[in-house]
Amino acid sequence: MNLNATLIAQFVVFFILAGFTMKFVWPPLMNALDERAKKIADGLAAAERGKSDLAAAEKRAQAELTSAQEAGQKRIGDAEKRGQSIIDEAKKTAAEEAARIIATAKADADQQVTQVREALRDQVATLAVKGAEQILKREVNAAAHADLLKQLKAEL
């Protein structure tokens, strides 16, 4: 055999094998590599989206937490204001009730003083009549001297 014929035959077999490989083996292999690269790129993109979604969720959670704290502080402030207004209202009501009780007590005391004065006047008038009876050694008629007794009561 001739070296040239062997070399030509090997070139022919090489080109046939290269053509077969390029036509039937290479495309599925490249497709598999492309699909894998696409999956990796999709995975990386999903990871980036996940990171951005996580960051957005953390921001939303922080915003919700802040708003909840503000709402809680507002409710506490409102409750304190309401409590203070209830205390002020109770103090005002208590002061009004105390003033009313004091006024009632003063009115009762004035009424009792007036009743005691009237009773005392009656007793003084009776004593004056009895004293006059004793002095005069005779009975003084209270009905006959009613005007005099009324004048005596008014002076006392």
Protein backbone atom coordinates (compact mmCIF):
# COMPACT_ATOMS: atom_id res chain seq x y z
CA MET A 1 0.00 0.00 0.00
CA ASN A 2 0.98 3.32 -0.72
CA LEU A 3 1.44 5.95 1.98
CA ASN A 4 -0.40 8.51 -0.03
CA ALA A 5 -3.41 6.25 -0.51
CA THR A 6 -3.50 5.49 3.20
CA LEU A 7 -3.21 9.15 4.02
CA ILE A 8 -5.99 10.01 1.58
CA ALA A 9 -8.16 7.21 2.96
CA GLN A 10 -7.60 8.49 6.52
CA PHE A 11 -8.49 12.04 5.35
CA VAL A 12 -11.67 10.74 3.79
CA VAL A 13 -12.57 8.76 6.91
CA PHE A 14 -11.72 11.78 9.07
CA PHE A 15 -13.92 14.11 7.01
CA ILE A 16 -16.75 11.55 6.97
CA LEU A 17 -16.43 11.15 10.75
CA ALA A 18 -16.19 14.94 11.19
CA GLY A 19 -19.23 15.45 8.92
CA PHE A 20 -21.17 12.75 10.77
CA THR A 21 -20.18 14.25 14.14
CA MET A 22 -21.06 17.77 13.02
CA LYS A 23 -24.40 16.66 11.60
CA PHE A 24 -25.61 14.11 14.17
CA VAL A 25 -23.53 14.33 17.38
CA TRP A 26 -22.61 17.99 17.66
CA PRO A 27 -26.14 19.58 17.47
CA PRO A 28 -27.66 17.53 20.36
CA LEU A 29 -24.54 18.13 22.42
CA MET A 30 -24.71 21.89 21.74
CA ASN A 31 -28.47 21.86 22.48
CA ALA A 32 -27.80 20.16 25.82
CA LEU A 33 -25.10 22.71 26.65
CA ASP A 34 -27.37 25.61 25.56
CA GLU A 35 -30.25 24.26 27.66
CA ARG A 36 -27.98 23.88 30.66
CA ALA A 37 -26.64 27.43 30.18
CA LYS A 38 -30.22 28.67 29.88
CA LYS A 39 -31.22 26.83 33.09
CA ILE A 40 -28.24 28.29 34.90
CA ALA A 41 -29.08 31.78 33.63
CA ASP A 42 -32.74 31.28 34.64
CA GLY A 43 -31.62 30.07 38.06
CA LEU A 44 -29.38 33.09 38.52
CA ALA A 45 -32.17 35.41 37.37
CA ALA A 46 -34.60 33.68 39.76
CA ALA A 47 -32.07 34.07 42.56
CA GLU A 48 -31.77 37.79 41.78
CA ARG A 49 -35.56 38.12 41.68
CA GLY A 50 -35.73 36.23 44.96
CA LYS A 51 -33.19 38.59 46.52
CA SER A 52 -35.08 41.63 45.27
CA ASP A 53 -38.41 40.12 46.42
CA LEU A 54 -36.86 39.40 49.81
CA ALA A 55 -35.57 42.96 50.08
CA ALA A 56 -38.98 44.32 49.07
CA ALA A 57 -40.70 42.01 51.57
CA GLU A 58 -38.33 43.15 54.31
CA LYS A 59 -39.08 46.79 53.44
CA ARG A 60 -42.83 46.09 53.51
CA ALA A 61 -42.48 44.25 56.82
CA GLN A 62 -40.47 47.12 58.28
CA ALA A 63 -43.05 49.62 57.02
CA GLU A 64 -45.88 47.55 58.52
CA LEU A 65 -43.99 47.27 61.79
CA THR A 66 -43.40 51.01 61.84
CA SER A 67 -47.03 51.77 61.07
CA ALA A 68 -48.16 49.30 63.73
CA GLN A 69 -45.86 50.94 66.28
CA GLU A 70 -47.14 54.39 65.32
CA ALA A 71 -50.73 53.18 65.58
CA GLY A 72 -49.97 51.66 68.97
CA GLN A 73 -48.34 54.88 70.18
CA LYS A 74 -51.33 56.86 68.89
CA ARG A 75 -53.75 54.56 70.70
CA ILE A 76 -51.72 54.84 73.89
CA GLY A 77 -51.73 58.63 73.55
CA ASP A 78 -55.48 58.65 72.91
CA ALA A 79 -56.04 56.38 75.90
CA GLU A 80 -53.94 58.65 78.11
CA LYS A 81 -55.86 61.71 76.90
CA ARG A 82 -59.16 59.92 77.47
CA GLY A 83 -58.04 58.82 80.92
CA GLN A 84 -57.00 62.35 81.81
CA SER A 85 -60.32 63.72 80.55
CA ILE A 86 -62.19 61.11 82.63
CA ILE A 87 -60.14 62.09 85.68
CA ASP A 88 -60.80 65.79 85.05
CA GLU A 89 -64.50 65.10 84.55
CA ALA A 90 -64.62 63.04 87.75
CA LYS A 91 -62.86 65.84 89.66
CA LYS A 92 -65.32 68.38 88.25
CA THR A 93 -68.28 66.17 89.14
CA ALA A 94 -66.87 65.60 92.63
CA ALA A 95 -66.36 69.35 93.11
CA GLU A 96 -69.93 70.05 91.95
CA GLU A 97 -71.27 67.32 94.24
CA ALA A 98 -69.24 68.70 97.16
CA ALA A 99 -70.54 72.21 96.47
CA ARG A 100 -74.10 70.87 96.31
CA ILE A 101 -73.67 68.94 99.58
CA ILE A 102 -72.15 71.99 101.27
CA ALA A 103 -74.99 74.20 100.00
CA THR A 104 -77.56 71.68 101.24
CA ALA A 105 -75.82 71.45 104.61
CA LYS A 106 -75.73 75.26 104.91
CA ALA A 107 -79.40 75.47 104.00
CA ASP A 108 -80.25 72.78 106.57
CA ALA A 109 -78.12 74.54 109.18
CA ASP A 110 -79.82 77.87 108.43
CA GLN A 111 -83.21 76.23 108.66
CA GLN A 112 -82.34 74.59 111.97
CA VAL A 113 -80.96 77.89 113.30
CA THR A 114 -84.22 79.58 112.32
CA GLN A 115 -86.27 76.83 114.00
CA VAL A 116 -84.15 77.00 117.14
CA ARG A 117 -84.51 80.79 117.24
CA GLU A 118 -88.28 80.49 116.89
CA ALA A 119 -88.40 77.84 119.60
CA LEU A 120 -86.16 79.98 121.81
CA ARG A 121 -88.37 83.03 121.23
CA ASP A 122 -91.43 81.00 122.19
CA GLN A 123 -89.68 79.77 125.32
CA VAL A 124 -88.46 83.27 126.24
CA ALA A 125 -91.97 84.63 125.70
CA THR A 126 -93.42 81.88 127.91
CA LEU A 127 -90.77 82.52 130.54
CA ALA A 128 -91.43 86.25 130.36
CA VAL A 129 -95.12 85.63 130.86
CA LYS A 130 -94.45 83.31 133.79
CA GLY A 131 -91.99 85.79 135.24
CA ALA A 132 -94.55 88.56 134.89
CA GLU A 133 -97.15 86.32 136.57
CA GLN A 134 -94.80 85.73 139.41
CA ILE A 135 -94.05 89.42 139.71
CA LEU A 136 -97.62 90.49 139.53
CA LYS A 137 -98.85 87.48 141.42
CA ARG A 138 -101.61 87.12 139.03
CA GLU A 139 -102.23 85.40 135.76
CA VAL A 140 -101.53 87.27 132.59
CA ASN A 141 -103.90 86.41 129.75
CA ALA A 142 -101.77 85.38 126.70
CA ALA A 143 -104.67 85.84 124.28
CA ALA A 144 -105.34 89.36 125.51
CA HIS A 145 -101.73 90.35 125.26
CA ALA A 146 -100.93 88.59 121.96
CA ASP A 147 -99.79 91.81 120.31
CA LEU A 148 -97.42 92.49 123.13
CA LEU A 149 -96.05 88.92 122.93
CA LYS A 150 -95.55 89.20 119.15
CA GLN A 151 -93.65 92.44 119.61
CA LEU A 152 -91.51 90.75 122.29
CA LYS A 153 -90.78 87.83 119.93
CA ALA A 154 -89.73 90.22 117.17
CA GLU A 155 -87.36 92.06 119.51
CA LEU A 156 -85.70 88.81 120.58
